[in-house]
Amino acid sequence: MKLIFFIMMTTAFLFSSNLSTLYTLYEKQEYDKACEYSVKYFEKNKNDDKYLTLYGLSCLETDKIFRIATPMIRLSQTEGARANASYFATILLQKQLLKQALLDGKTLDDLQLPKTSFILSKIFTLFVQKKYTLNNNIYKFQDESNKEKSYKLYMKEERKNKNYMIIDVYKDDKFIKRYRYN
């Protein structure tokens, strides 16, 4: 009996250890490491909504948002988990629709999706509302809530004809960050 209890406690510790480590990485804003860690220990934690949520949020903060689909489809056990899955799905859909608009000229008129505070969602909303200036296939946006910030959206072809969607962030016309999505 003691052996079974010891095995159960050790197993519980290992699972909580993964969540604890992931939480620590996320809290330190080490999103790349947290995303990689999440992928590495996914199988052991694939039924833990807290782990899956941190997995998705960590990868969302990197240029690896393609990875948020994995936790997204498993988040279904609670109301909060389903809300997080919808959040991830919204961002993935917005990314795909923006890329389609830029590469294929697909119009996004009258398209209404939920808004999020994530940068891609912000750009998507401004793009749909046509609140941009276009010059040489570069879309320039002004942040509506922070007049010091502006954004540029464009496609860039890199290695082996692979297209990347780029969002450059500026503050007072000075470059501060780049998001790159495949």
C-alpha atoms as a PDB file:
ATOM      1  CA  MET A   1       0.000   0.000   0.000  1.00  0.00           C
ATOM      2  CA  LYS A   2       2.809   2.410   0.866  1.00  0.00           C
ATOM      3  CA  LEU A   3       4.479   1.640  -2.472  1.00  0.00           C
ATOM      4  CA  ILE A   4       1.328   2.537  -4.423  1.00  0.00           C
ATOM      5  CA  PHE A   5       0.950   5.778  -2.445  1.00  0.00           C
ATOM      6  CA  PHE A   6       4.627   6.639  -3.091  1.00  0.00           C
ATOM      7  CA  ILE A   7       4.255   5.984  -6.840  1.00  0.00           C
ATOM      8  CA  MET A   8       1.102   8.123  -6.988  1.00  0.00           C
ATOM      9  CA  MET A   9       2.775  10.988  -5.116  1.00  0.00           C
ATOM     10  CA  THR A  10       5.886  10.812  -7.292  1.00  0.00           C
ATOM     11  CA  THR A  11       3.769  10.833 -10.457  1.00  0.00           C
ATOM     12  CA  ALA A  12       1.720  13.773  -9.170  1.00  0.00           C
ATOM     13  CA  PHE A  13       4.936  15.632  -8.331  1.00  0.00           C
ATOM     14  CA  LEU A  14       6.341  15.043 -11.815  1.00  0.00           C
ATOM     15  CA  PHE A  15       3.184  16.415 -13.443  1.00  0.00           C
ATOM     16  CA  SER A  16       3.030  19.420 -11.161  1.00  0.00           C
ATOM     17  CA  SER A  17       6.759  19.917 -11.652  1.00  0.00           C
ATOM     18  CA  ASN A  18       6.238  20.381 -15.399  1.00  0.00           C
ATOM     19  CA  LEU A  19       3.497  22.935 -14.766  1.00  0.00           C
ATOM     20  CA  SER A  20       5.588  24.717 -12.160  1.00  0.00           C
ATOM     21  CA  THR A  21       8.606  24.930 -14.471  1.00  0.00           C
ATOM     22  CA  LEU A  22       6.460  26.159 -17.342  1.00  0.00           C
ATOM     23  CA  TYR A  23       4.807  28.759 -15.130  1.00  0.00           C
ATOM     24  CA  THR A  24       8.205  29.998 -13.925  1.00  0.00           C
ATOM     25  CA  LEU A  25       9.474  30.374 -17.511  1.00  0.00           C
ATOM     26  CA  TYR A  26       6.304  32.204 -18.524  1.00  0.00           C
ATOM     27  CA  GLU A  27       6.430  34.476 -15.496  1.00  0.00           C
ATOM     28  CA  LYS A  28      10.057  35.388 -16.344  1.00  0.00           C
ATOM     29  CA  GLN A  29       8.859  36.210 -19.880  1.00  0.00           C
ATOM     30  CA  GLU A  30      11.145  33.535 -21.319  1.00  0.00           C
ATOM     31  CA  TYR A  31       8.507  32.691 -23.901  1.00  0.00           C
ATOM     32  CA  ASP A  32      10.762  30.877 -26.383  1.00  0.00           C
ATOM     33  CA  LYS A  33      12.039  28.551 -23.679  1.00  0.00           C
ATOM     34  CA  ALA A  34       8.534  28.078 -22.303  1.00  0.00           C
ATOM     35  CA  CYS A  35       7.176  27.227 -25.749  1.00  0.00           C
ATOM     36  CA  GLU A  36       9.932  24.677 -26.375  1.00  0.00           C
ATOM     37  CA  TYR A  37       9.470  23.217 -22.897  1.00  0.00           C
ATOM     38  CA  SER A  38       5.723  22.931 -23.485  1.00  0.00           C
ATOM     39  CA  VAL A  39       6.232  20.970 -26.674  1.00  0.00           C
ATOM     40  CA  LYS A  40       8.790  18.691 -25.034  1.00  0.00           C
ATOM     41  CA  TYR A  41       6.507  17.712 -22.114  1.00  0.00           C
ATOM     42  CA  PHE A  42       3.187  17.858 -23.952  1.00  0.00           C
ATOM     43  CA  GLU A  43       2.486  14.104 -23.823  1.00  0.00           C
ATOM     44  CA  LYS A  44       2.845  14.005 -20.045  1.00  0.00           C
ATOM     45  CA  ASN A  45       0.544  17.007 -19.584  1.00  0.00           C
ATOM     46  CA  LYS A  46      -1.877  16.791 -22.513  1.00  0.00           C
ATOM     47  CA  ASN A  47      -4.918  16.611 -20.227  1.00  0.00           C
ATOM     48  CA  ASP A  48      -3.944  19.471 -17.901  1.00  0.00           C
ATOM     49  CA  ASP A  49      -5.858  22.623 -18.870  1.00  0.00           C
ATOM     50  CA  LYS A  50      -3.493  24.885 -16.930  1.00  0.00           C
ATOM     51  CA  TYR A  51      -0.466  23.404 -18.688  1.00  0.00           C
ATOM     52  CA  LEU A  52      -2.169  23.616 -22.095  1.00  0.00           C
ATOM     53  CA  THR A  53      -3.156  27.244 -21.523  1.00  0.00           C
ATOM     54  CA  LEU A  54       0.397  28.241 -20.577  1.00  0.00           C
ATOM     55  CA  TYR A  55       1.659  26.233 -23.559  1.00  0.00           C
ATOM     56  CA  GLY A  56      -0.573  28.228 -25.894  1.00  0.00           C
ATOM     57  CA  LEU A  57       0.162  31.594 -24.305  1.00  0.00           C
ATOM     58  CA  SER A  58       3.932  30.980 -24.350  1.00  0.00           C
ATOM     59  CA  CYS A  59       3.981  30.020 -28.006  1.00  0.00           C
ATOM     60  CA  LEU A  60       1.654  32.904 -28.831  1.00  0.00           C
ATOM     61  CA  GLU A  61       4.247  35.369 -27.518  1.00  0.00           C
ATOM     62  CA  THR A  62       6.838  34.013 -29.971  1.00  0.00           C
ATOM     63  CA  ASP A  63       6.879  33.793 -33.726  1.00  0.00           C
ATOM     64  CA  LYS A  64       5.720  30.176 -33.322  1.00  0.00           C
ATOM     65  CA  ILE A  65       1.983  30.739 -33.145  1.00  0.00           C
ATOM     66  CA  PHE A  66       1.486  27.742 -35.437  1.00  0.00           C
ATOM     67  CA  ARG A  67       2.086  25.707 -32.290  1.00  0.00           C
ATOM     68  CA  ILE A  68      -0.989  27.029 -30.491  1.00  0.00           C
ATOM     69  CA  ALA A  69      -3.195  24.672 -32.494  1.00  0.00           C
ATOM     70  CA  THR A  70      -1.947  21.689 -30.461  1.00  0.00           C
ATOM     71  CA  PRO A  71      -3.141  22.894 -27.058  1.00  0.00           C
ATOM     72  CA  MET A  72      -6.153  24.611 -28.628  1.00  0.00           C
ATOM     73  CA  ILE A  73      -7.804  21.369 -29.728  1.00  0.00           C
ATOM     74  CA  ARG A  74      -7.321  19.774 -26.289  1.00  0.00           C
ATOM     75  CA  LEU A  75      -8.730  22.660 -24.242  1.00  0.00           C
ATOM     76  CA  SER A  76     -12.320  21.549 -23.722  1.00  0.00           C
ATOM     77  CA  GLN A  77     -12.849  20.354 -20.157  1.00  0.00           C
ATOM     78  CA  THR A  78     -13.991  23.602 -18.509  1.00  0.00           C
ATOM     79  CA  GLU A  79     -15.618  26.878 -19.472  1.00  0.00           C
ATOM     80  CA  GLY A  80     -12.293  28.685 -19.046  1.00  0.00           C
ATOM     81  CA  ALA A  81     -10.468  26.123 -21.156  1.00  0.00           C
ATOM     82  CA  ARG A  82     -13.006  26.456 -23.967  1.00  0.00           C
ATOM     83  CA  ALA A  83     -12.675  30.255 -23.810  1.00  0.00           C
ATOM     84  CA  ASN A  84      -8.884  29.925 -24.135  1.00  0.00           C
ATOM     85  CA  ALA A  85      -9.326  27.540 -27.087  1.00  0.00           C
ATOM     86  CA  SER A  86     -11.585  30.109 -28.784  1.00  0.00           C
ATOM     87  CA  TYR A  87      -9.017  32.845 -28.130  1.00  0.00           C
ATOM     88  CA  PHE A  88      -6.266  30.773 -29.791  1.00  0.00           C
ATOM     89  CA  ALA A  89      -8.558  29.835 -32.703  1.00  0.00           C
ATOM     90  CA  THR A  90      -9.462  33.494 -33.295  1.00  0.00           C
ATOM     91  CA  ILE A  91      -5.815  34.507 -33.556  1.00  0.00           C
ATOM     92  CA  LEU A  92      -4.962  31.612 -35.877  1.00  0.00           C
ATOM     93  CA  LEU A  93      -7.909  32.468 -38.125  1.00  0.00           C
ATOM     94  CA  GLN A  94      -6.988  36.158 -38.187  1.00  0.00           C
ATOM     95  CA  LYS A  95      -3.415  35.267 -39.150  1.00  0.00           C
ATOM     96  CA  GLN A  96      -4.566  33.006 -41.960  1.00  0.00           C
ATOM     97  CA  LEU A  97      -7.089  35.523 -43.310  1.00  0.00           C
ATOM     98  CA  LEU A  98      -4.536  38.358 -43.262  1.00  0.00           C
ATOM     99  CA  LYS A  99      -2.004  36.212 -45.083  1.00  0.00           C
ATOM    100  CA  GLN A 100      -4.623  35.261 -47.679  1.00  0.00           C
ATOM    101  CA  ALA A 101      -5.538  38.926 -48.159  1.00  0.00           C
ATOM    102  CA  LEU A 102      -1.899  39.944 -48.629  1.00  0.00           C
ATOM    103  CA  LEU A 103      -0.872  37.100 -50.933  1.00  0.00           C
ATOM    104  CA  ASP A 104      -4.067  36.455 -52.873  1.00  0.00           C
ATOM    105  CA  GLY A 105      -5.829  39.813 -52.740  1.00  0.00           C
ATOM    106  CA  LYS A 106      -8.766  38.307 -50.854  1.00  0.00           C
ATOM    107  CA  THR A 107     -11.005  41.055 -49.490  1.00  0.00           C
ATOM    108  CA  LEU A 108     -12.002  40.994 -45.848  1.00  0.00           C
ATOM    109  CA  ASP A 109     -14.809  43.552 -46.088  1.00  0.00           C
ATOM    110  CA  ASP A 110     -17.561  43.263 -43.478  1.00  0.00           C
ATOM    111  CA  LEU A 111     -15.802  40.407 -41.734  1.00  0.00           C
ATOM    112  CA  GLN A 112     -16.376  40.494 -37.991  1.00  0.00           C
ATOM    113  CA  LEU A 113     -14.363  38.345 -35.638  1.00  0.00           C
ATOM    114  CA  PRO A 114     -13.840  38.710 -31.906  1.00  0.00           C
ATOM    115  CA  LYS A 115     -11.211  41.267 -30.933  1.00  0.00           C
ATOM    116  CA  THR A 116      -8.279  40.461 -28.699  1.00  0.00           C
ATOM    117  CA  SER A 117      -5.436  42.560 -27.359  1.00  0.00           C
ATOM    118  CA  PHE A 118      -2.880  40.451 -29.232  1.00  0.00           C
ATOM    119  CA  ILE A 119      -0.908  42.414 -31.859  1.00  0.00           C
ATOM    120  CA  LEU A 120      -2.088  40.264 -34.758  1.00  0.00           C
ATOM    121  CA  SER A 121      -5.706  40.814 -33.761  1.00  0.00           C
ATOM    122  CA  LYS A 122      -5.148  44.566 -33.549  1.00  0.00           C
ATOM    123  CA  ILE A 123      -3.664  44.648 -37.044  1.00  0.00           C
ATOM    124  CA  PHE A 124      -6.436  42.417 -38.377  1.00  0.00           C
ATOM    125  CA  THR A 125      -9.129  44.764 -37.064  1.00  0.00           C
ATOM    126  CA  LEU A 126      -7.419  47.838 -38.535  1.00  0.00           C
ATOM    127  CA  PHE A 127      -6.948  46.021 -41.848  1.00  0.00           C
ATOM    128  CA  VAL A 128     -10.612  45.000 -42.091  1.00  0.00           C
ATOM    129  CA  GLN A 129     -11.655  48.576 -41.256  1.00  0.00           C
ATOM    130  CA  LYS A 130      -9.232  49.792 -43.949  1.00  0.00           C
ATOM    131  CA  LYS A 131      -7.495  52.111 -41.499  1.00  0.00           C
ATOM    132  CA  TYR A 132      -4.144  51.994 -43.245  1.00  0.00           C
ATOM    133  CA  THR A 133      -2.059  53.662 -45.885  1.00  0.00           C
ATOM    134  CA  LEU A 134      -0.582  51.472 -48.603  1.00  0.00           C
ATOM    135  CA  ASN A 135       2.743  52.180 -50.246  1.00  0.00           C
ATOM    136  CA  ASN A 136       4.842  49.592 -52.159  1.00  0.00           C
ATOM    137  CA  ASN A 137       2.845  46.659 -50.717  1.00  0.00           C
ATOM    138  CA  ILE A 138       3.484  47.861 -47.163  1.00  0.00           C
ATOM    139  CA  TYR A 139       0.431  48.597 -45.044  1.00  0.00           C
ATOM    140  CA  LYS A 140       0.989  51.257 -42.390  1.00  0.00           C
ATOM    141  CA  PHE A 141      -1.340  51.523 -39.385  1.00  0.00           C
ATOM    142  CA  GLN A 142      -1.635  53.993 -36.537  1.00  0.00           C
ATOM    143  CA  ASP A 143      -2.474  52.547 -33.118  1.00  0.00           C
ATOM    144  CA  GLU A 144      -5.839  53.948 -32.096  1.00  0.00           C
ATOM    145  CA  SER A 145      -5.263  53.754 -28.357  1.00  0.00           C
ATOM    146  CA  ASN A 146      -1.609  54.848 -28.320  1.00  0.00           C
ATOM    147  CA  LYS A 147      -0.790  57.556 -30.864  1.00  0.00           C
ATOM    148  CA  GLU A 148       2.952  57.061 -30.323  1.00  0.00           C
ATOM    149  CA  LYS A 149       2.741  53.558 -31.813  1.00  0.00           C
ATOM    150  CA  SER A 150       2.464  52.572 -35.438  1.00  0.00           C
ATOM    151  CA  TYR A 151       2.764  49.325 -37.355  1.00  0.00           C
ATOM    152  CA  LYS A 152       3.818  48.098 -40.771  1.00  0.00           C
ATOM    153  CA  LEU A 153       2.418  44.921 -42.289  1.00  0.00           C
ATOM    154  CA  TYR A 154       3.936  43.252 -45.341  1.00  0.00           C
ATOM    155  CA  MET A 155       4.960  39.953 -46.876  1.00  0.00           C
ATOM    156  CA  LYS A 156       8.588  39.011 -47.227  1.00  0.00           C
ATOM    157  CA  GLU A 157       9.913  36.139 -49.286  1.00  0.00           C
ATOM    158  CA  GLU A 158      12.770  34.282 -47.686  1.00  0.00           C
ATOM    159  CA  ARG A 159      14.510  30.946 -48.085  1.00  0.00           C
ATOM    160  CA  LYS A 160      13.228  28.650 -50.794  1.00  0.00           C
ATOM    161  CA  ASN A 161      10.315  30.852 -51.877  1.00  0.00           C
ATOM    162  CA  LYS A 162       8.718  30.739 -48.426  1.00  0.00           C
ATOM    163  CA  ASN A 163       6.582  33.776 -47.630  1.00  0.00           C
ATOM    164  CA  TYR A 164       6.499  35.306 -44.181  1.00  0.00           C
ATOM    165  CA  MET A 165       4.030  37.855 -42.910  1.00  0.00           C
ATOM    166  CA  ILE A 166       5.885  40.595 -41.054  1.00  0.00           C
ATOM    167  CA  ILE A 167       4.522  43.064 -38.517  1.00  0.00           C
ATOM    168  CA  ASP A 168       6.967  45.782 -37.515  1.00  0.00           C
ATOM    169  CA  VAL A 169       6.157  47.849 -34.439  1.00  0.00           C
ATOM    170  CA  TYR A 170       7.304  51.464 -34.110  1.00  0.00           C
ATOM    171  CA  LYS A 171       7.186  53.921 -31.253  1.00  0.00           C
ATOM    172  CA  ASP A 172       7.647  57.572 -32.192  1.00  0.00           C
ATOM    173  CA  ASP A 173       8.681  56.334 -35.654  1.00  0.00           C
ATOM    174  CA  LYS A 174      11.508  54.288 -34.146  1.00  0.00           C
ATOM    175  CA  PHE A 175      11.542  50.529 -34.781  1.00  0.00           C
ATOM    176  CA  ILE A 176      11.062  48.514 -31.560  1.00  0.00           C
ATOM    177  CA  LYS A 177       9.918  44.972 -32.448  1.00  0.00           C
ATOM    178  CA  ARG A 178       9.285  42.563 -35.321  1.00  0.00           C
ATOM    179  CA  TYR A 179       6.786  39.712 -35.476  1.00  0.00           C
ATOM    180  CA  ARG A 180       7.373  37.140 -38.209  1.00  0.00           C
ATOM    181  CA  TYR A 181       4.753  34.541 -39.094  1.00  0.00           C
ATOM    182  CA  ASN A 182       4.991  31.749 -41.632  1.00  0.00           C
END
